[in-house]
Protein backbone atom coordinates (compact mmCIF):
# COMPACT_ATOMS: atom_id res chain seq x y z
CA UNK A 1 118.77 76.52 219.38
CA UNK A 2 120.65 79.43 220.88
CA UNK A 3 119.12 82.36 222.70
CA UNK A 4 119.64 84.61 219.64
CA UNK A 5 117.86 82.29 217.19
CA UNK A 6 114.31 83.49 216.50
CA UNK A 7 111.50 81.00 216.90
CA UNK A 8 110.12 79.97 213.50
CA UNK A 9 106.65 81.28 212.71
CA UNK A 10 103.94 78.68 213.28
CA UNK A 11 100.65 79.44 211.49
CA UNK A 12 97.64 79.43 213.81
CA UNK A 13 94.99 79.34 211.08
CA UNK A 14 94.49 79.01 207.32
CA UNK A 15 95.03 82.73 206.71
CA UNK A 16 98.41 82.62 208.49
CA UNK A 17 99.41 79.51 206.54
CA UNK A 18 98.57 81.21 203.24
CA UNK A 19 100.43 84.36 204.28
CA UNK A 20 103.51 82.28 205.10
CA UNK A 21 103.32 80.46 201.76
CA UNK A 22 103.07 83.75 199.87
CA UNK A 23 105.96 85.33 201.79
CA UNK A 24 108.14 82.27 201.17
CA UNK A 25 107.32 82.07 197.47
CA UNK A 26 108.00 85.79 197.02
CA UNK A 27 111.22 85.60 199.08
CA UNK A 28 109.81 88.23 201.42
CA UNK A 29 109.59 86.42 204.77
CA UNK A 30 110.96 89.47 206.58
CA UNK A 31 107.65 91.23 205.92
CA UNK A 32 105.34 88.35 206.82
CA UNK A 33 103.12 90.70 208.83
CA UNK A 34 102.19 92.53 205.60
CA UNK A 35 100.90 89.31 204.04
CA UNK A 36 99.16 88.27 207.26
CA UNK A 37 97.28 91.57 207.22
CA UNK A 38 96.15 91.06 203.63
CA UNK A 39 95.10 87.47 204.31
CA UNK A 40 93.05 88.64 207.29
CA UNK A 41 91.44 91.49 205.34
CA UNK A 42 90.48 89.79 202.07
CA UNK A 43 88.65 86.51 201.34
CA UNK A 44 90.97 83.51 201.03
CA UNK A 45 89.86 82.67 197.48
CA UNK A 46 90.61 86.22 196.32
CA UNK A 47 94.04 86.24 197.96
CA UNK A 48 94.89 82.84 196.51
CA UNK A 49 93.76 83.90 193.03
CA UNK A 50 96.00 87.00 193.12
CA UNK A 51 98.88 84.93 194.52
CA UNK A 52 98.66 82.29 191.77
CA UNK A 53 98.38 84.92 189.05
CA UNK A 54 101.34 86.92 190.40
CA UNK A 55 103.41 83.73 190.45
CA UNK A 56 102.48 82.89 186.87
CA UNK A 57 103.95 86.12 185.44
CA UNK A 58 107.60 85.72 184.34
CA UNK A 59 110.02 87.90 186.32
CA UNK A 60 111.20 89.77 183.23
CA UNK A 61 107.62 91.01 182.69
CA UNK A 62 107.25 92.41 186.21
CA UNK A 63 108.07 96.12 186.44
CA UNK A 64 108.44 96.54 190.17
CA UNK A 65 108.16 93.34 192.24
CA UNK A 66 106.00 90.28 192.60
CA UNK A 67 104.71 91.72 195.86
CA UNK A 68 103.60 94.92 194.11
CA UNK A 69 101.91 92.91 191.35
CA UNK A 70 100.18 90.70 193.91
CA UNK A 71 98.91 93.72 195.85
CA UNK A 72 97.70 95.40 192.67
CA UNK A 73 95.85 92.27 191.53
CA UNK A 74 94.29 91.79 194.95
CA UNK A 75 92.96 95.33 195.00
CA UNK A 76 91.65 94.98 191.43
CA UNK A 77 89.79 91.80 192.35
CA UNK A 78 88.38 93.49 195.42
CA UNK A 79 87.00 96.35 193.28
CA UNK A 80 85.33 93.85 190.94
CA UNK A 81 83.21 92.48 193.78
């Protein structure tokens, strides 16, 4: 590894691991901190539910982005509780 190569992110807890999985699946690893914040703020089951549902929607049916859909679903689930 050279001096310019960033150290890969190593999850320290379950929330970090879920955030990393979401960022990787959405192809949005550059904004991992966004997903880490959501995983710290919301219950794991709620985050995972929104993640799985966002992944299940075909790309051609998503208006903006999978990230936007995921965030919308997460907030909707949070309002239901």
